[in-house]
Amino acid sequence: MTSTKPTKIKNTELLNTVESKYLKVDIPNIRIGDTLKLGIEIKEGEKTRVQAYEGVVISKKGAGINLTVTVRRIMQGIGIERCFLIHSPKVKSIEIKRSSKVRRAKLYYLRNLSGKATRLKQRFN
């Protein structure tokens, strides 16, 4: 008497198959220090519009569908940081404006700098 066991699917494989249909395919290779221009869908009352948000990527976390980037910009002298889920349907467009040469995985030290000190060296590829 031999019994055949049903094939087991690992949890990670199952998650990957479910998440794969929600992943965006046209995403550029985002690196720390890149200046991004993101098109974010904003709902105002009944209308929806796409608002541009441009800033420097100071951190990147997660993988797959959970990939998030923190983008920092200075607006009217005040530093603003926003975290974006890259594969979210609210993110309509992603454009890399400029790449910078950095030697850190997280650029949190930019929070303490101001003015010209926050500029990063440009990478030419």
PDB file of N, CA and C in Angstrom:
ATOM      1  N   MET A   1       0.822  -1.172   0.000  1.00  0.00           N
ATOM      2  CA  MET A   1       0.000   0.000   0.000  1.00  0.00           C
ATOM      3  C   MET A   1       0.874   1.245   0.000  1.00  0.00           C
ATOM      4  N   THR A   2       0.916   1.902  -1.089  1.00  0.00           N
ATOM      5  CA  THR A   2       1.676   3.150  -1.163  1.00  0.00           C
ATOM      6  C   THR A   2       0.703   4.312  -1.278  1.00  0.00           C
ATOM      7  N   SER A   3       0.964   5.285  -0.502  1.00  0.00           N
ATOM      8  CA  SER A   3       0.103   6.473  -0.563  1.00  0.00           C
ATOM      9  C   SER A   3       0.869   7.610  -1.238  1.00  0.00           C
ATOM     10  N   THR A   4       0.185   8.314  -2.042  1.00  0.00           N
ATOM     11  CA  THR A   4       0.828   9.449  -2.712  1.00  0.00           C
ATOM     12  C   THR A   4       0.438  10.728  -1.987  1.00  0.00           C
ATOM     13  N   LYS A   5       1.452  11.447  -1.594  1.00  0.00           N
ATOM     14  CA  LYS A   5       1.206  12.710  -0.903  1.00  0.00           C
ATOM     15  C   LYS A   5       0.951  13.812  -1.932  1.00  0.00           C
ATOM     16  N   PRO A   6       0.061  14.713  -1.613  1.00  0.00           N
ATOM     17  CA  PRO A   6      -0.130  15.843  -2.533  1.00  0.00           C
ATOM     18  C   PRO A   6       1.123  16.722  -2.528  1.00  0.00           C
ATOM     19  N   THR A   7       1.428  17.297  -3.676  1.00  0.00           N
ATOM     20  CA  THR A   7       2.631  18.133  -3.763  1.00  0.00           C
ATOM     21  C   THR A   7       2.425  19.405  -2.955  1.00  0.00           C
ATOM     22  N   LYS A   8       3.439  19.703  -2.186  1.00  0.00           N
ATOM     23  CA  LYS A   8       3.366  20.893  -1.348  1.00  0.00           C
ATOM     24  C   LYS A   8       3.954  22.084  -2.094  1.00  0.00           C
ATOM     25  N   ILE A   9       3.295  23.185  -1.982  1.00  0.00           N
ATOM     26  CA  ILE A   9       3.820  24.431  -2.542  1.00  0.00           C
ATOM     27  C   ILE A   9       4.308  25.269  -1.370  1.00  0.00           C
ATOM     28  N   LYS A  10       5.531  25.733  -1.477  1.00  0.00           N
ATOM     29  CA  LYS A  10       6.069  26.555  -0.403  1.00  0.00           C
ATOM     30  C   LYS A  10       5.319  27.883  -0.353  1.00  0.00           C
ATOM     31  N   ASN A  11       5.251  28.443   0.845  1.00  0.00           N
ATOM     32  CA  ASN A  11       4.529  29.698   1.023  1.00  0.00           C
ATOM     33  C   ASN A  11       5.108  30.819   0.178  1.00  0.00           C
ATOM     34  N   THR A  12       6.441  30.872   0.074  1.00  0.00           N
ATOM     35  CA  THR A  12       7.049  31.944  -0.710  1.00  0.00           C
ATOM     36  C   THR A  12       6.725  31.799  -2.191  1.00  0.00           C
ATOM     37  N   GLU A  13       6.693  30.568  -2.677  1.00  0.00           N
ATOM     38  CA  GLU A  13       6.332  30.343  -4.077  1.00  0.00           C
ATOM     39  C   GLU A  13       4.890  30.753  -4.335  1.00  0.00           C
ATOM     40  N   LEU A  14       4.023  30.430  -3.402  1.00  0.00           N
ATOM     41  CA  LEU A  14       2.618  30.791  -3.533  1.00  0.00           C
ATOM     42  C   LEU A  14       2.451  32.309  -3.532  1.00  0.00           C
ATOM     43  N   LEU A  15       3.142  32.980  -2.613  1.00  0.00           N
ATOM     44  CA  LEU A  15       3.088  34.442  -2.568  1.00  0.00           C
ATOM     45  C   LEU A  15       3.614  35.056  -3.855  1.00  0.00           C
ATOM     46  N   ASN A  16       4.716  34.536  -4.366  1.00  0.00           N
ATOM     47  CA  ASN A  16       5.298  35.075  -5.591  1.00  0.00           C
ATOM     48  C   ASN A  16       4.360  34.926  -6.781  1.00  0.00           C
ATOM     49  N   THR A  17       3.665  33.804  -6.860  1.00  0.00           N
ATOM     50  CA  THR A  17       2.751  33.618  -7.986  1.00  0.00           C
ATOM     51  C   THR A  17       1.554  34.560  -7.894  1.00  0.00           C
ATOM     52  N   VAL A  18       1.058  34.779  -6.693  1.00  0.00           N
ATOM     53  CA  VAL A  18      -0.079  35.688  -6.521  1.00  0.00           C
ATOM     54  C   VAL A  18       0.351  37.132  -6.777  1.00  0.00           C
ATOM     55  N   GLU A  19       1.524  37.519  -6.251  1.00  0.00           N
ATOM     56  CA  GLU A  19       1.982  38.902  -6.383  1.00  0.00           C
ATOM     57  C   GLU A  19       2.456  39.237  -7.790  1.00  0.00           C
ATOM     58  N   SER A  20       2.873  38.245  -8.551  1.00  0.00           N
ATOM     59  CA  SER A  20       3.489  38.513  -9.855  1.00  0.00           C
ATOM     60  C   SER A  20       2.547  39.229 -10.822  1.00  0.00           C
ATOM     61  N   LYS A  21       1.251  38.977 -10.716  1.00  0.00           N
ATOM     62  CA  LYS A  21       0.338  39.647 -11.650  1.00  0.00           C
ATOM     63  C   LYS A  21       0.100  41.115 -11.281  1.00  0.00           C
ATOM     64  N   TYR A  22       0.495  41.536 -10.082  1.00  0.00           N
ATOM     65  CA  TYR A  22       0.326  42.925  -9.666  1.00  0.00           C
ATOM     66  C   TYR A  22       1.597  43.752  -9.817  1.00  0.00           C
ATOM     67  N   LEU A  23       2.696  43.115 -10.187  1.00  0.00           N
ATOM     68  CA  LEU A  23       3.958  43.832 -10.353  1.00  0.00           C
ATOM     69  C   LEU A  23       3.944  44.631 -11.647  1.00  0.00           C
ATOM     70  N   LYS A  24       4.482  45.847 -11.587  1.00  0.00           N
ATOM     71  CA  LYS A  24       4.635  46.655 -12.797  1.00  0.00           C
ATOM     72  C   LYS A  24       5.895  46.194 -13.516  1.00  0.00           C
ATOM     73  N   VAL A  25       5.856  46.216 -14.830  1.00  0.00           N
ATOM     74  CA  VAL A  25       7.002  45.727 -15.598  1.00  0.00           C
ATOM     75  C   VAL A  25       7.867  46.857 -16.151  1.00  0.00           C
ATOM     76  N   ASP A  26       7.346  48.064 -16.202  1.00  0.00           N
ATOM     77  CA  ASP A  26       8.065  49.172 -16.829  1.00  0.00           C
ATOM     78  C   ASP A  26       8.769  50.079 -15.813  1.00  0.00           C
ATOM     79  N   ILE A  27       9.256  49.491 -14.733  1.00  0.00           N
ATOM     80  CA  ILE A  27       9.914  50.277 -13.687  1.00  0.00           C
ATOM     81  C   ILE A  27      11.413  50.344 -13.965  1.00  0.00           C
ATOM     82  N   PRO A  28      11.991  51.554 -13.940  1.00  0.00           N
ATOM     83  CA  PRO A  28      13.442  51.661 -14.140  1.00  0.00           C
ATOM     84  C   PRO A  28      14.199  51.152 -12.919  1.00  0.00           C
ATOM     85  N   ASN A  29      15.490  50.933 -13.081  1.00  0.00           N
ATOM     86  CA  ASN A  29      16.339  50.472 -11.981  1.00  0.00           C
ATOM     87  C   ASN A  29      16.637  51.658 -11.062  1.00  0.00           C
ATOM     88  N   ILE A  30      15.937  51.740  -9.956  1.00  0.00           N
ATOM     89  CA  ILE A  30      16.069  52.859  -9.024  1.00  0.00           C
ATOM     90  C   ILE A  30      17.202  52.567  -8.056  1.00  0.00           C
ATOM     91  N   ARG A  31      18.101  53.538  -7.883  1.00  0.00           N
ATOM     92  CA  ARG A  31      19.221  53.394  -6.962  1.00  0.00           C
ATOM     93  C   ARG A  31      19.180  54.525  -5.941  1.00  0.00           C
ATOM     94  N   ILE A  32      19.862  54.305  -4.838  1.00  0.00           N
ATOM     95  CA  ILE A  32      19.958  55.333  -3.810  1.00  0.00           C
ATOM     96  C   ILE A  32      20.727  56.519  -4.395  1.00  0.00           C
ATOM     97  N   GLY A  33      20.227  57.729  -4.151  1.00  0.00           N
ATOM     98  CA  GLY A  33      20.875  58.929  -4.660  1.00  0.00           C
ATOM     99  C   GLY A  33      20.300  59.418  -5.970  1.00  0.00           C
ATOM    100  N   ASP A  34      19.438  58.628  -6.606  1.00  0.00           N
ATOM    101  CA  ASP A  34      18.810  59.068  -7.854  1.00  0.00           C
ATOM    102  C   ASP A  34      17.799  60.175  -7.567  1.00  0.00           C
ATOM    103  N   THR A  35      17.678  61.097  -8.500  1.00  0.00           N
ATOM    104  CA  THR A  35      16.625  62.098  -8.430  1.00  0.00           C
ATOM    105  C   THR A  35      15.475  61.589  -9.285  1.00  0.00           C
ATOM    106  N   LEU A  36      14.343  61.359  -8.642  1.00  0.00           N
ATOM    107  CA  LEU A  36      13.177  60.785  -9.320  1.00  0.00           C
ATOM    108  C   LEU A  36      12.111  61.836  -9.539  1.00  0.00           C
ATOM    109  N   LYS A  37      11.354  61.649 -10.611  1.00  0.00           N
ATOM    110  CA  LYS A  37      10.136  62.419 -10.823  1.00  0.00           C
ATOM    111  C   LYS A  37       9.007  61.405 -10.889  1.00  0.00           C
ATOM    112  N   LEU A  38       8.151  61.433  -9.880  1.00  0.00           N
ATOM    113  CA  LEU A  38       7.051  60.479  -9.773  1.00  0.00           C
ATOM    114  C   LEU A  38       5.739  61.173 -10.115  1.00  0.00           C
ATOM    115  N   GLY A  39       4.889  60.496 -10.846  1.00  0.00           N
ATOM    116  CA  GLY A  39       3.539  60.977 -11.103  1.00  0.00           C
ATOM    117  C   GLY A  39       2.590  60.249 -10.174  1.00  0.00           C
ATOM    118  N   ILE A  40       2.006  60.982  -9.228  1.00  0.00           N
ATOM    119  CA  ILE A  40       1.145  60.391  -8.203  1.00  0.00           C
ATOM    120  C   ILE A  40      -0.307  60.782  -8.478  1.00  0.00           C
ATOM    121  N   GLU A  41      -1.193  59.798  -8.458  1.00  0.00           N
ATOM    122  CA  GLU A  41      -2.609  60.074  -8.680  1.00  0.00           C
ATOM    123  C   GLU A  41      -3.220  60.652  -7.409  1.00  0.00           C
ATOM    124  N   ILE A  42      -3.814  61.838  -7.545  1.00  0.00           N
ATOM    125  CA  ILE A  42      -4.444  62.535  -6.424  1.00  0.00           C
ATOM    126  C   ILE A  42      -5.936  62.641  -6.716  1.00  0.00           C
ATOM    127  N   LYS A  43      -6.749  62.323  -5.722  1.00  0.00           N
ATOM    128  CA  LYS A  43      -8.192  62.445  -5.886  1.00  0.00           C
ATOM    129  C   LYS A  43      -8.664  63.669  -5.118  1.00  0.00           C
ATOM    130  N   GLU A  44      -9.298  64.588  -5.844  1.00  0.00           N
ATOM    131  CA  GLU A  44      -9.844  65.801  -5.234  1.00  0.00           C
ATOM    132  C   GLU A  44     -11.339  65.833  -5.512  1.00  0.00           C
ATOM    133  N   GLY A  45     -12.110  65.480  -4.518  1.00  0.00           N
ATOM    134  CA  GLY A  45     -13.553  65.420  -4.713  1.00  0.00           C
ATOM    135  C   GLY A  45     -13.912  64.317  -5.695  1.00  0.00           C
ATOM    136  N   GLU A  46     -14.508  64.699  -6.823  1.00  0.00           N
ATOM    137  CA  GLU A  46     -14.889  63.742  -7.859  1.00  0.00           C
ATOM    138  C   GLU A  46     -13.772  63.518  -8.870  1.00  0.00           C
ATOM    139  N   LYS A  47     -12.869  64.495  -8.998  1.00  0.00           N
ATOM    140  CA  LYS A  47     -11.846  64.442 -10.041  1.00  0.00           C
ATOM    141  C   LYS A  47     -10.563  63.785  -9.548  1.00  0.00           C
ATOM    142  N   THR A  48      -9.850  63.176 -10.479  1.00  0.00           N
ATOM    143  CA  THR A  48      -8.520  62.658 -10.176  1.00  0.00           C
ATOM    144  C   THR A  48      -7.541  63.307 -11.142  1.00  0.00           C
ATOM    145  N   ARG A  49      -6.348  63.577 -10.645  1.00  0.00           N
ATOM    146  CA  ARG A  49      -5.305  64.157 -11.484  1.00  0.00           C
ATOM    147  C   ARG A  49      -3.971  63.572 -11.072  1.00  0.00           C
ATOM    148  N   VAL A  50      -2.964  63.774 -11.922  1.00  0.00           N
ATOM    149  CA  VAL A  50      -1.628  63.262 -11.642  1.00  0.00           C
ATOM    150  C   VAL A  50      -0.756  64.430 -11.202  1.00  0.00           C
ATOM    151  N   GLN A  51      -0.195  64.314 -10.010  1.00  0.00           N
ATOM    152  CA  GLN A  51       0.661  65.359  -9.451  1.00  0.00           C
ATOM    153  C   GLN A  51       2.104  64.883  -9.486  1.00  0.00           C
ATOM    154  N   ALA A  52       2.999  65.751  -9.941  1.00  0.00           N
ATOM    155  CA  ALA A  52       4.420  65.408 -10.018  1.00  0.00           C
ATOM    156  C   ALA A  52       5.075  65.637  -8.662  1.00  0.00           C
ATOM    157  N   TYR A  53       5.946  64.726  -8.279  1.00  0.00           N
ATOM    158  CA  TYR A  53       6.726  64.851  -7.047  1.00  0.00           C
ATOM    159  C   TYR A  53       8.159  64.499  -7.401  1.00  0.00           C
ATOM    160  N   GLU A  54       9.073  65.431  -7.196  1.00  0.00           N
ATOM    161  CA  GLU A  54      10.465  65.216  -7.569  1.00  0.00           C
ATOM    162  C   GLU A  54      11.343  65.360  -6.340  1.00  0.00           C
ATOM    163  N   GLY A  55      12.287  64.433  -6.176  1.00  0.00           N
ATOM    164  CA  GLY A  55      13.202  64.485  -5.049  1.00  0.00           C
ATOM    165  C   GLY A  55      14.259  63.403  -5.143  1.00  0.00           C
ATOM    166  N   VAL A  56      15.120  63.369  -4.126  1.00  0.00           N
ATOM    167  CA  VAL A  56      16.244  62.432  -4.075  1.00  0.00           C
ATOM    168  C   VAL A  56      15.834  61.194  -3.284  1.00  0.00           C
ATOM    169  N   VAL A  57      16.172  60.025  -3.803  1.00  0.00           N
ATOM    170  CA  VAL A  57      15.897  58.763  -3.106  1.00  0.00           C
ATOM    171  C   VAL A  57      16.908  58.629  -1.974  1.00  0.00           C
ATOM    172  N   ILE A  58      16.418  58.628  -0.717  1.00  0.00           N
ATOM    173  CA  ILE A  58      17.334  58.499   0.419  1.00  0.00           C
ATOM    174  C   ILE A  58      17.309  57.107   1.026  1.00  0.00           C
ATOM    175  N   SER A  59      16.276  56.311   0.724  1.00  0.00           N
ATOM    176  CA  SER A  59      16.281  54.923   1.186  1.00  0.00           C
ATOM    177  C   SER A  59      15.395  54.080   0.292  1.00  0.00           C
ATOM    178  N   LYS A  60      15.698  52.802   0.306  1.00  0.00           N
ATOM    179  CA  LYS A  60      14.967  51.820  -0.487  1.00  0.00           C
ATOM    180  C   LYS A  60      14.793  50.600   0.406  1.00  0.00           C
ATOM    181  N   LYS A  61      13.553  50.138   0.554  1.00  0.00           N
ATOM    182  CA  LYS A  61      13.282  49.009   1.441  1.00  0.00           C
ATOM    183  C   LYS A  61      12.366  48.013   0.755  1.00  0.00           C
ATOM    184  N   GLY A  62      12.431  46.779   1.203  1.00  0.00           N
ATOM    185  CA  GLY A  62      11.538  45.747   0.718  1.00  0.00           C
ATOM    186  C   GLY A  62      11.954  45.196  -0.624  1.00  0.00           C
ATOM    187  N   ALA A  63      11.146  44.272  -1.115  1.00  0.00           N
ATOM    188  CA  ALA A  63      11.405  43.645  -2.405  1.00  0.00           C
ATOM    189  C   ALA A  63      10.075  43.219  -3.003  1.00  0.00           C
ATOM    190  N   GLY A  64      10.076  43.000  -4.291  1.00  0.00           N
ATOM    191  CA  GLY A  64       8.860  42.562  -4.960  1.00  0.00           C
ATOM    192  C   GLY A  64       7.782  43.619  -4.892  1.00  0.00           C
ATOM    193  N   ILE A  65       6.593  43.197  -4.552  1.00  0.00           N
ATOM    194  CA  ILE A  65       5.462  44.116  -4.523  1.00  0.00           C
ATOM    195  C   ILE A  65       5.552  45.086  -3.343  1.00  0.00           C
ATOM    196  N   ASN A  66       6.358  44.771  -2.343  1.00  0.00           N
ATOM    197  CA  ASN A  66       6.504  45.614  -1.156  1.00  0.00           C
ATOM    198  C   ASN A  66       7.642  46.614  -1.261  1.00  0.00           C
ATOM    199  N   LEU A  67       8.191  46.825  -2.448  1.00  0.00           N
ATOM    200  CA  LEU A  67       9.310  47.745  -2.634  1.00  0.00           C
ATOM    201  C   LEU A  67       8.865  49.182  -2.374  1.00  0.00           C
ATOM    202  N   THR A  68       9.514  49.829  -1.411  1.00  0.00           N
ATOM    203  CA  THR A  68       9.218  51.228  -1.108  1.00  0.00           C
ATOM    204  C   THR A  68      10.483  52.057  -1.223  1.00  0.00           C
ATOM    205  N   VAL A  69      10.310  53.301  -1.641  1.00  0.00           N
ATOM    206  CA  VAL A  69      11.419  54.248  -1.666  1.00  0.00           C
ATOM    207  C   VAL A  69      10.989  55.486  -0.891  1.00  0.00           C
ATOM    208  N   THR A  70      11.942  56.073  -0.175  1.00  0.00           N
ATOM    209  CA  THR A  70      11.705  57.329   0.515  1.00  0.00           C
ATOM    210  C   THR A  70      12.360  58.421  -0.305  1.00  0.00           C
ATOM    211  N   VAL A  71      11.560  59.405  -0.690  1.00  0.00           N
ATOM    212  CA  VAL A  71      12.030  60.489  -1.545  1.00  0.00           C
ATOM    213  C   VAL A  71      12.001  61.779  -0.742  1.00  0.00           C
ATOM    214  N   ARG A  72      13.122  62.513  -0.777  1.00  0.00           N
ATOM    215  CA  ARG A  72      13.252  63.751  -0.009  1.00  0.00           C
ATOM    216  C   ARG A  72      13.401  64.930  -0.955  1.00  0.00           C
ATOM    217  N   ARG A  73      12.713  66.004  -0.619  1.00  0.00           N
ATOM    218  CA  ARG A  73      12.855  67.253  -1.358  1.00  0.00           C
ATOM    219  C   ARG A  73      12.752  68.423  -0.396  1.00  0.00           C
ATOM    220  N   ILE A  74      13.262  69.554  -0.830  1.00  0.00           N
ATOM    221  CA  ILE A  74      13.172  70.777  -0.035  1.00  0.00           C
ATOM    222  C   ILE A  74      12.134  71.665  -0.700  1.00  0.00           C
ATOM    223  N   MET A  75      11.104  72.034   0.062  1.00  0.00           N
ATOM    224  CA  MET A  75      10.061  72.897  -0.477  1.00  0.00           C
ATOM    225  C   MET A  75       9.889  74.088   0.461  1.00  0.00           C
ATOM    226  N   GLN A  76      10.131  75.281  -0.057  1.00  0.00           N
ATOM    227  CA  GLN A  76      10.023  76.531   0.696  1.00  0.00           C
ATOM    228  C   GLN A  76      10.863  76.487   1.968  1.00  0.00           C
ATOM    229  N   GLY A  77      12.064  75.902   1.846  1.00  0.00           N
ATOM    230  CA  GLY A  77      13.000  75.865   2.961  1.00  0.00           C
ATOM    231  C   GLY A  77      12.752  74.769   3.977  1.00  0.00           C
ATOM    232  N   ILE A  78      11.762  73.934   3.742  1.00  0.00           N
ATOM    233  CA  ILE A  78      11.427  72.860   4.682  1.00  0.00           C
ATOM    234  C   ILE A  78      11.628  71.523   3.973  1.00  0.00           C
ATOM    235  N   GLY A  79      12.317  70.590   4.635  1.00  0.00           N
ATOM    236  CA  GLY A  79      12.538  69.265   4.065  1.00  0.00           C
ATOM    237  C   GLY A  79      11.294  68.407   4.181  1.00  0.00           C
ATOM    238  N   ILE A  80      10.900  67.789   3.076  1.00  0.00           N
ATOM    239  CA  ILE A  80       9.723  66.925   3.055  1.00  0.00           C
ATOM    240  C   ILE A  80      10.144  65.553   2.546  1.00  0.00           C
ATOM    241  N   GLU A  81       9.772  64.516   3.279  1.00  0.00           N
ATOM    242  CA  GLU A  81      10.062  63.143   2.871  1.00  0.00           C
ATOM    243  C   GLU A  81       8.753  62.393   2.713  1.00  0.00           C
ATOM    244  N   ARG A  82       8.648  61.663   1.620  1.00  0.00           N
ATOM    245  CA  ARG A  82       7.473  60.826   1.402  1.00  0.00           C
ATOM    246  C   ARG A  82       7.924  59.432   1.013  1.00  0.00           C
ATOM    247  N   CYS A  83       7.218  58.434   1.513  1.00  0.00           N
ATOM    248  CA  CYS A  83       7.494  57.043   1.160  1.00  0.00           C
ATOM    249  C   CYS A  83       6.469  56.609   0.116  1.00  0.00           C
ATOM    250  N   PHE A  84       6.954  55.961  -0.929  1.00  0.00           N
ATOM    251  CA  PHE A  84       6.085  55.518  -2.006  1.00  0.00           C
ATOM    252  C   PHE A  84       6.232  54.020  -2.209  1.00  0.00           C
ATOM    253  N   LEU A  85       5.109  53.330  -2.325  1.00  0.00           N
ATOM    254  CA  LEU A  85       5.105  51.942  -2.777  1.00  0.00           C
ATOM    255  C   LEU A  85       5.226  51.995  -4.295  1.00  0.00           C
ATOM    256  N   ILE A  86       6.305  51.487  -4.828  1.00  0.00           N
ATOM    257  CA  ILE A  86       6.596  51.629  -6.250  1.00  0.00           C
ATOM    258  C   ILE A  86       5.561  50.914  -7.119  1.00  0.00           C
ATOM    259  N   HIS A  87       5.057  49.780  -6.673  1.00  0.00           N
ATOM    260  CA  HIS A  87       4.113  49.004  -7.474  1.00  0.00           C
ATOM    261  C   HIS A  87       2.654  49.374  -7.204  1.00  0.00           C
ATOM    262  N   SER A  88       2.432  50.457  -6.467  1.00  0.00           N
ATOM    263  CA  SER A  88       1.079  50.903  -6.171  1.00  0.00           C
ATOM    264  C   SER A  88       0.394  51.434  -7.430  1.00  0.00           C
ATOM    265  N   PRO A  89      -0.904  51.205  -7.573  1.00  0.00           N
ATOM    266  CA  PRO A  89      -1.617  51.775  -8.719  1.00  0.00           C
ATOM    267  C   PRO A  89      -1.702  53.302  -8.658  1.00  0.00           C
ATOM    268  N   LYS A  90      -1.459  53.896  -7.502  1.00  0.00           N
ATOM    269  CA  LYS A  90      -1.461  55.359  -7.376  1.00  0.00           C
ATOM    270  C   LYS A  90      -0.239  55.988  -8.035  1.00  0.00           C
ATOM    271  N   VAL A  91       0.855  55.231  -8.167  1.00  0.00           N
ATOM    272  CA  VAL A  91       2.068  55.733  -8.824  1.00  0.00           C
ATOM    273  C   VAL A  91       1.902  55.478 -10.320  1.00  0.00           C
ATOM    274  N   LYS A  92       1.673  56.554 -11.068  1.00  0.00           N
ATOM    275  CA  LYS A  92       1.382  56.430 -12.499  1.00  0.00           C
ATOM    276  C   LYS A  92       2.639  56.425 -13.355  1.00  0.00           C
ATOM    277  N   SER A  93       3.662  57.194 -12.966  1.00  0.00           N
ATOM    278  CA  SER A  93       4.881  57.249 -13.779  1.00  0.00           C
ATOM    279  C   SER A  93       6.097  57.428 -12.885  1.00  0.00           C
ATOM    280  N   ILE A  94       7.225  56.885 -13.337  1.00  0.00           N
ATOM    281  CA  ILE A  94       8.502  57.015 -12.636  1.00  0.00           C
ATOM    282  C   ILE A  94       9.548  57.368 -13.676  1.00  0.00           C
ATOM    283  N   GLU A  95      10.256  58.454 -13.419  1.00  0.00           N
ATOM    284  CA  GLU A  95      11.297  58.890 -14.347  1.00  0.00           C
ATOM    285  C   GLU A  95      12.542  59.246 -13.546  1.00  0.00           C
ATOM    286  N   ILE A  96      13.689  58.718 -13.964  1.00  0.00           N
ATOM    287  CA  ILE A  96      14.948  59.053 -13.305  1.00  0.00           C
ATOM    288  C   ILE A  96      15.516  60.276 -14.004  1.00  0.00           C
ATOM    289  N   LYS A  97      15.596  61.389 -13.265  1.00  0.00           N
ATOM    290  CA  LYS A  97      16.100  62.633 -13.830  1.00  0.00           C
ATOM    291  C   LYS A  97      17.620  62.687 -13.803  1.00  0.00           C
ATOM    292  N   ARG A  98      18.206  62.115 -12.742  1.00  0.00           N
ATOM    293  CA  ARG A  98      19.645  62.234 -12.547  1.00  0.00           C
ATOM    294  C   ARG A  98      20.100  61.127 -11.605  1.00  0.00           C
ATOM    295  N   SER A  99      21.305  60.618 -11.823  1.00  0.00           N
ATOM    296  CA  SER A  99      21.887  59.622 -10.925  1.00  0.00           C
ATOM    297  C   SER A  99      23.060  60.245 -10.199  1.00  0.00           C
ATOM    298  N   SER A 100      23.216  59.910  -8.937  1.00  0.00           N
ATOM    299  CA  SER A 100      24.297  60.462  -8.129  1.00  0.00           C
ATOM    300  C   SER A 100      25.181  59.351  -7.603  1.00  0.00           C
ATOM    301  N   LYS A 101      26.440  59.702  -7.390  1.00  0.00           N
ATOM    302  CA  LYS A 101      27.418  58.755  -6.860  1.00  0.00           C
ATOM    303  C   LYS A 101      27.389  58.846  -5.339  1.00  0.00           C
ATOM    304  N   VAL A 102      26.957  57.783  -4.688  1.00  0.00           N
ATOM    305  CA  VAL A 102      26.900  57.754  -3.227  1.00  0.00           C
ATOM    306  C   VAL A 102      27.562  56.477  -2.731  1.00  0.00           C
ATOM    307  N   ARG A 103      27.998  56.513  -1.474  1.00  0.00           N
ATOM    308  CA  ARG A 103      28.666  55.350  -0.897  1.00  0.00           C
ATOM    309  C   ARG A 103      27.955  54.854   0.351  1.00  0.00           C
ATOM    310  N   ARG A 104      26.679  55.122   0.435  1.00  0.00           N
ATOM    311  CA  ARG A 104      25.867  54.699   1.571  1.00  0.00           C
ATOM    312  C   ARG A 104      24.582  54.058   1.059  1.00  0.00           C
ATOM    313  N   ALA A 105      24.036  53.146   1.850  1.00  0.00           N
ATOM    314  CA  ALA A 105      22.769  52.512   1.496  1.00  0.00           C
ATOM    315  C   ALA A 105      21.588  53.385   1.892  1.00  0.00           C
ATOM    316  N   LYS A 106      21.757  54.202   2.905  1.00  0.00           N
ATOM    317  CA  LYS A 106      20.717  55.121   3.358  1.00  0.00           C
ATOM    318  C   LYS A 106      21.335  56.509   3.472  1.00  0.00           C
ATOM    319  N   LEU A 107      20.657  57.502   2.957  1.00  0.00           N
ATOM    320  CA  LEU A 107      21.184  58.869   2.964  1.00  0.00           C
ATOM    321  C   LEU A 107      20.492  59.726   4.025  1.00  0.00           C
ATOM    322  N   TYR A 108      20.291  59.154   5.196  1.00  0.00           N
ATOM    323  CA  TYR A 108      19.610  59.882   6.263  1.00  0.00           C
ATOM    324  C   TYR A 108      20.417  61.081   6.751  1.00  0.00           C
ATOM    325  N   TYR A 109      21.718  61.090   6.498  1.00  0.00           N
ATOM    326  CA  TYR A 109      22.545  62.207   6.937  1.00  0.00           C
ATOM    327  C   TYR A 109      22.178  63.496   6.202  1.00  0.00           C
ATOM    328  N   LEU A 110      21.477  63.408   5.088  1.00  0.00           N
ATOM    329  CA  LEU A 110      21.058  64.611   4.360  1.00  0.00           C
ATOM    330  C   LEU A 110      20.054  65.432   5.162  1.00  0.00           C
ATOM    331  N   ARG A 111      19.398  64.809   6.128  1.00  0.00           N
ATOM    332  CA  ARG A 111      18.431  65.529   6.964  1.00  0.00           C
ATOM    333  C   ARG A 111      19.095  66.627   7.782  1.00  0.00           C
ATOM    334  N   ASN A 112      20.351  66.411   8.155  1.00  0.00           N
ATOM    335  CA  ASN A 112      21.050  67.371   9.012  1.00  0.00           C
ATOM    336  C   ASN A 112      21.802  68.428   8.221  1.00  0.00           C
ATOM    337  N   LEU A 113      21.841  68.307   6.899  1.00  0.00           N
ATOM    338  CA  LEU A 113      22.570  69.253   6.066  1.00  0.00           C
ATOM    339  C   LEU A 113      21.599  70.251   5.445  1.00  0.00           C
ATOM    340  N   SER A 114      22.141  71.399   5.040  1.00  0.00           N
ATOM    341  CA  SER A 114      21.293  72.391   4.386  1.00  0.00           C
ATOM    342  C   SER A 114      22.075  73.095   3.289  1.00  0.00           C
ATOM    343  N   GLY A 115      21.356  73.674   2.367  1.00  0.00           N
ATOM    344  CA  GLY A 115      21.981  74.446   1.297  1.00  0.00           C
ATOM    345  C   GLY A 115      22.784  73.594   0.340  1.00  0.00           C
ATOM    346  N   LYS A 116      23.967  74.115  -0.028  1.00  0.00           N
ATOM    347  CA  LYS A 116      24.807  73.436  -1.011  1.00  0.00           C
ATOM    348  C   LYS A 116      25.389  72.127  -0.485  1.00  0.00           C
ATOM    349  N   ALA A 117      25.403  71.936   0.813  1.00  0.00           N
ATOM    350  CA  ALA A 117      25.956  70.713   1.400  1.00  0.00           C
ATOM    351  C   ALA A 117      25.120  69.485   1.035  1.00  0.00           C
ATOM    352  N   THR A 118      23.871  69.688   0.648  1.00  0.00           N
ATOM    353  CA  THR A 118      23.004  68.552   0.321  1.00  0.00           C
ATOM    354  C   THR A 118      23.183  68.071  -1.113  1.00  0.00           C
ATOM    355  N   ARG A 119      23.993  68.767  -1.893  1.00  0.00           N
ATOM    356  CA  ARG A 119      24.201  68.344  -3.280  1.00  0.00           C
ATOM    357  C   ARG A 119      25.039  67.073  -3.329  1.00  0.00           C
ATOM    358  N   LEU A 120      24.716  66.206  -4.269  1.00  0.00           N
ATOM    359  CA  LEU A 120      25.429  64.945  -4.444  1.00  0.00           C
ATOM    360  C   LEU A 120      26.158  64.970  -5.781  1.00  0.00           C
ATOM    361  N   LYS A 121      27.299  64.258  -5.845  1.00  0.00           N
ATOM    362  CA  LYS A 121      28.060  64.173  -7.092  1.00  0.00           C
ATOM    363  C   LYS A 121      27.277  63.388  -8.129  1.00  0.00           C
ATOM    364  N   GLN A 122      27.245  63.907  -9.341  1.00  0.00           N
ATOM    365  CA  GLN A 122      26.494  63.246 -10.400  1.00  0.00           C
ATOM    366  C   GLN A 122      27.280  62.081 -10.979  1.00  0.00           C
ATOM    367  N   ARG A 123      26.557  61.002 -11.280  1.00  0.00           N
ATOM    368  CA  ARG A 123      27.149  59.829 -11.916  1.00  0.00           C
ATOM    369  C   ARG A 123      26.807  59.893 -13.402  1.00  0.00           C
ATOM    370  N   PHE A 124      27.814  59.734 -14.252  1.00  0.00           N
ATOM    371  CA  PHE A 124      27.604  59.749 -15.694  1.00  0.00           C
ATOM    372  C   PHE A 124      27.740  58.327 -16.221  1.00  0.00           C
ATOM    373  N   ASN A 125      26.641  57.772 -16.682  1.00  0.00           N
ATOM    374  CA  ASN A 125      26.658  56.409 -17.238  1.00  0.00           C
ATOM    375  C   ASN A 125      26.131  56.430 -18.646  1.00  0.00           C
TER     376      ASN A 125
END
